[in-house]
C-alpha atoms as a PDB file:
ATOM      1  CA  UNK A   1     -27.144  34.494 -16.344  1.00  0.00           C
ATOM      2  CA  UNK A   2     -28.875  34.238 -19.701  1.00  0.00           C
ATOM      3  CA  UNK A   3     -25.501  33.832 -21.379  1.00  0.00           C
ATOM      4  CA  UNK A   4     -24.442  31.057 -19.011  1.00  0.00           C
ATOM      5  CA  UNK A   5     -27.833  29.337 -19.295  1.00  0.00           C
ATOM      6  CA  UNK A   6     -27.789  29.461 -23.096  1.00  0.00           C
ATOM      7  CA  UNK A   7     -24.139  28.421 -23.334  1.00  0.00           C
ATOM      8  CA  UNK A   8     -24.710  25.434 -21.074  1.00  0.00           C
ATOM      9  CA  UNK A   9     -27.871  24.478 -22.949  1.00  0.00           C
ATOM     10  CA  UNK A  10     -25.999  24.441 -26.282  1.00  0.00           C
ATOM     11  CA  UNK A  11     -22.699  22.977 -25.111  1.00  0.00           C
ATOM     12  CA  UNK A  12     -23.903  20.842 -22.231  1.00  0.00           C
ATOM     13  CA  UNK A  13     -26.251  17.942 -22.093  1.00  0.00           C
ATOM     14  CA  UNK A  14     -29.194  20.035 -23.304  1.00  0.00           C
ATOM     15  CA  UNK A  15     -31.022  19.735 -19.991  1.00  0.00           C
ATOM     16  CA  UNK A  16     -29.440  22.686 -18.240  1.00  0.00           C
ATOM     17  CA  UNK A  17     -27.505  20.700 -15.642  1.00  0.00           C
ATOM     18  CA  UNK A  18     -24.397  22.812 -16.323  1.00  0.00           C
ATOM     19  CA  UNK A  19     -26.399  25.948 -15.588  1.00  0.00           C
ATOM     20  CA  UNK A  20     -27.733  24.451 -12.367  1.00  0.00           C
ATOM     21  CA  UNK A  21     -24.186  23.543 -11.344  1.00  0.00           C
ATOM     22  CA  UNK A  22     -23.061  27.125 -12.093  1.00  0.00           C
ATOM     23  CA  UNK A  23     -25.934  28.478  -9.977  1.00  0.00           C
ATOM     24  CA  UNK A  24     -24.878  26.246  -7.069  1.00  0.00           C
ATOM     25  CA  UNK A  25     -21.288  27.452  -7.392  1.00  0.00           C
ATOM     26  CA  UNK A  26     -22.470  31.071  -7.414  1.00  0.00           C
ATOM     27  CA  UNK A  27     -24.878  30.352  -4.515  1.00  0.00           C
ATOM     28  CA  UNK A  28     -27.917  31.544  -6.482  1.00  0.00           C
ATOM     29  CA  UNK A  29     -31.221  29.713  -6.243  1.00  0.00           C
ATOM     30  CA  UNK A  30     -32.867  28.504  -9.425  1.00  0.00           C
ATOM     31  CA  UNK A  31     -36.013  30.560  -8.770  1.00  0.00           C
ATOM     32  CA  UNK A  32     -33.941  33.703  -8.121  1.00  0.00           C
ATOM     33  CA  UNK A  33     -31.998  33.140 -11.345  1.00  0.00           C
ATOM     34  CA  UNK A  34     -35.114  32.758 -13.458  1.00  0.00           C
ATOM     35  CA  UNK A  35     -36.703  35.809 -11.817  1.00  0.00           C
ATOM     36  CA  UNK A  36     -33.632  37.852 -12.742  1.00  0.00           C
ATOM     37  CA  UNK A  37     -33.629  36.460 -16.277  1.00  0.00           C
ATOM     38  CA  UNK A  38     -37.310  37.394 -16.640  1.00  0.00           C
ATOM     39  CA  UNK A  39     -36.502  40.874 -15.352  1.00  0.00           C
ATOM     40  CA  UNK A  40     -33.676  41.276 -17.855  1.00  0.00           C
ATOM     41  CA  UNK A  41     -35.869  40.030 -20.701  1.00  0.00           C
ATOM     42  CA  UNK A  42     -38.600  42.495 -19.733  1.00  0.00           C
ATOM     43  CA  UNK A  43     -36.249  45.459 -19.624  1.00  0.00           C
ATOM     44  CA  UNK A  44     -34.605  44.459 -22.901  1.00  0.00           C
ATOM     45  CA  UNK A  45     -37.991  44.202 -24.615  1.00  0.00           C
ATOM     46  CA  UNK A  46     -39.060  47.643 -23.421  1.00  0.00           C
ATOM     47  CA  UNK A  47     -35.806  49.235 -24.596  1.00  0.00           C
ATOM     48  CA  UNK A  48     -35.672  47.362 -27.930  1.00  0.00           C
ATOM     49  CA  UNK A  49     -39.295  48.216 -28.711  1.00  0.00           C
ATOM     50  CA  UNK A  50     -38.484  51.884 -28.137  1.00  0.00           C
ATOM     51  CA  UNK A  51     -40.958  52.138 -25.279  1.00  0.00           C
ATOM     52  CA  UNK A  52     -38.331  52.939 -22.667  1.00  0.00           C
ATOM     53  CA  UNK A  53     -35.071  54.832 -22.943  1.00  0.00           C
ATOM     54  CA  UNK A  54     -32.053  52.964 -21.670  1.00  0.00           C
ATOM     55  CA  UNK A  55     -31.230  55.857 -19.343  1.00  0.00           C
ATOM     56  CA  UNK A  56     -34.574  55.348 -17.544  1.00  0.00           C
ATOM     57  CA  UNK A  57     -34.058  51.657 -16.771  1.00  0.00           C
ATOM     58  CA  UNK A  58     -32.925  52.301 -13.191  1.00  0.00           C
ATOM     59  CA  UNK A  59     -36.179  54.163 -12.434  1.00  0.00           C
ATOM     60  CA  UNK A  60     -38.152  50.900 -12.524  1.00  0.00           C
ATOM     61  CA  UNK A  61     -38.544  48.365  -9.758  1.00  0.00           C
ATOM     62  CA  UNK A  62     -38.290  44.663 -10.613  1.00  0.00           C
ATOM     63  CA  UNK A  63     -42.021  44.183 -10.375  1.00  0.00           C
ATOM     64  CA  UNK A  64     -42.705  47.297 -12.461  1.00  0.00           C
ATOM     65  CA  UNK A  65     -40.567  45.920 -15.307  1.00  0.00           C
ATOM     66  CA  UNK A  66     -42.342  42.604 -15.368  1.00  0.00           C
ATOM     67  CA  UNK A  67     -45.825  44.093 -15.035  1.00  0.00           C
ATOM     68  CA  UNK A  68     -45.137  46.732 -17.677  1.00  0.00           C
ATOM     69  CA  UNK A  69     -43.691  44.199 -20.118  1.00  0.00           C
ATOM     70  CA  UNK A  70     -46.861  42.108 -19.783  1.00  0.00           C
ATOM     71  CA  UNK A  71     -49.231  45.065 -20.260  1.00  0.00           C
ATOM     72  CA  UNK A  72     -50.858  46.206 -23.493  1.00  0.00           C
ATOM     73  CA  UNK A  73     -48.627  48.458 -25.662  1.00  0.00           C
ATOM     74  CA  UNK A  74     -50.692  51.560 -24.891  1.00  0.00           C
ATOM     75  CA  UNK A  75     -50.309  50.975 -21.161  1.00  0.00           C
ATOM     76  CA  UNK A  76     -46.581  50.334 -21.576  1.00  0.00           C
ATOM     77  CA  UNK A  77     -46.219  53.653 -23.352  1.00  0.00           C
ATOM     78  CA  UNK A  78     -48.088  55.577 -20.634  1.00  0.00           C
ATOM     79  CA  UNK A  79     -46.130  53.958 -17.806  1.00  0.00           C
ATOM     80  CA  UNK A  80     -42.811  54.591 -19.522  1.00  0.00           C
ATOM     81  CA  UNK A  81     -43.737  58.223 -20.098  1.00  0.00           C
ATOM     82  CA  UNK A  82     -44.437  58.517 -16.387  1.00  0.00           C
ATOM     83  CA  UNK A  83     -41.129  56.957 -15.388  1.00  0.00           C
ATOM     84  CA  UNK A  84     -39.189  58.946 -17.964  1.00  0.00           C
ATOM     85  CA  UNK A  85     -40.688  62.262 -16.851  1.00  0.00           C
ATOM     86  CA  UNK A  86     -40.062  61.380 -13.179  1.00  0.00           C
ATOM     87  CA  UNK A  87     -36.422  60.546 -13.957  1.00  0.00           C
ATOM     88  CA  UNK A  88     -35.975  63.901 -15.714  1.00  0.00           C
ATOM     89  CA  UNK A  89     -37.245  65.879 -12.675  1.00  0.00           C
END
């Protein structure tokens, strides 16, 4: 969704109407799309920052990703250690 949104923003009219049209065609609400984009951004940030291993991504719920990504780095580290050790068990 991020790719489609960004592509339409660059190549379209700059207002995102192409992305909204794509969402309608795919029968995805705008709020659902942006929630999923936020979730993807949160997981990417945790993996890129080395806080979370890519193999542990599926151990998180949607809300856990978003909440963890918004937490202080020390809290992120502790939460990710918890999820990583739970995934290993």
